[in-house]
């Protein structure tokens, strides 16, 4: 049942395998696609990990925006803006926990204050 699937997902490992050799000129999207298609439990494990790590942050932002902003009619989103510095610190910690790809994404977004609040860009 569900417990067996959960156990199989938690045991999924790369075992040192990679879809292509490391290096800047060896990335092959087709090879990566074939590699991960053959390892659905590994993909599920990573998705579970991402959901677990980001769930608290996402819930907090939704709480600030939806409950405090929309339901309590804070039309200027004062609560959301007041929590931005703390949420930005949480986002930085998340990027560090999630690894190099997310760190690079955070670096790229940090210069785009047209896309993210300024508190997140510092």
Foldseek 3Di string as FASTA:
>chain_A
DVVVLVVLLVPDDCVPDDLWDDDDPIDDVVSNVVVVVVPVSPVVNLVVVLCVLCVVLVVVLCCLCPVVPPVVPVVVSPSNVVCLLVSLVSQVVSLVVSDDVSVVVLQVCLVVCVVPPVSNND
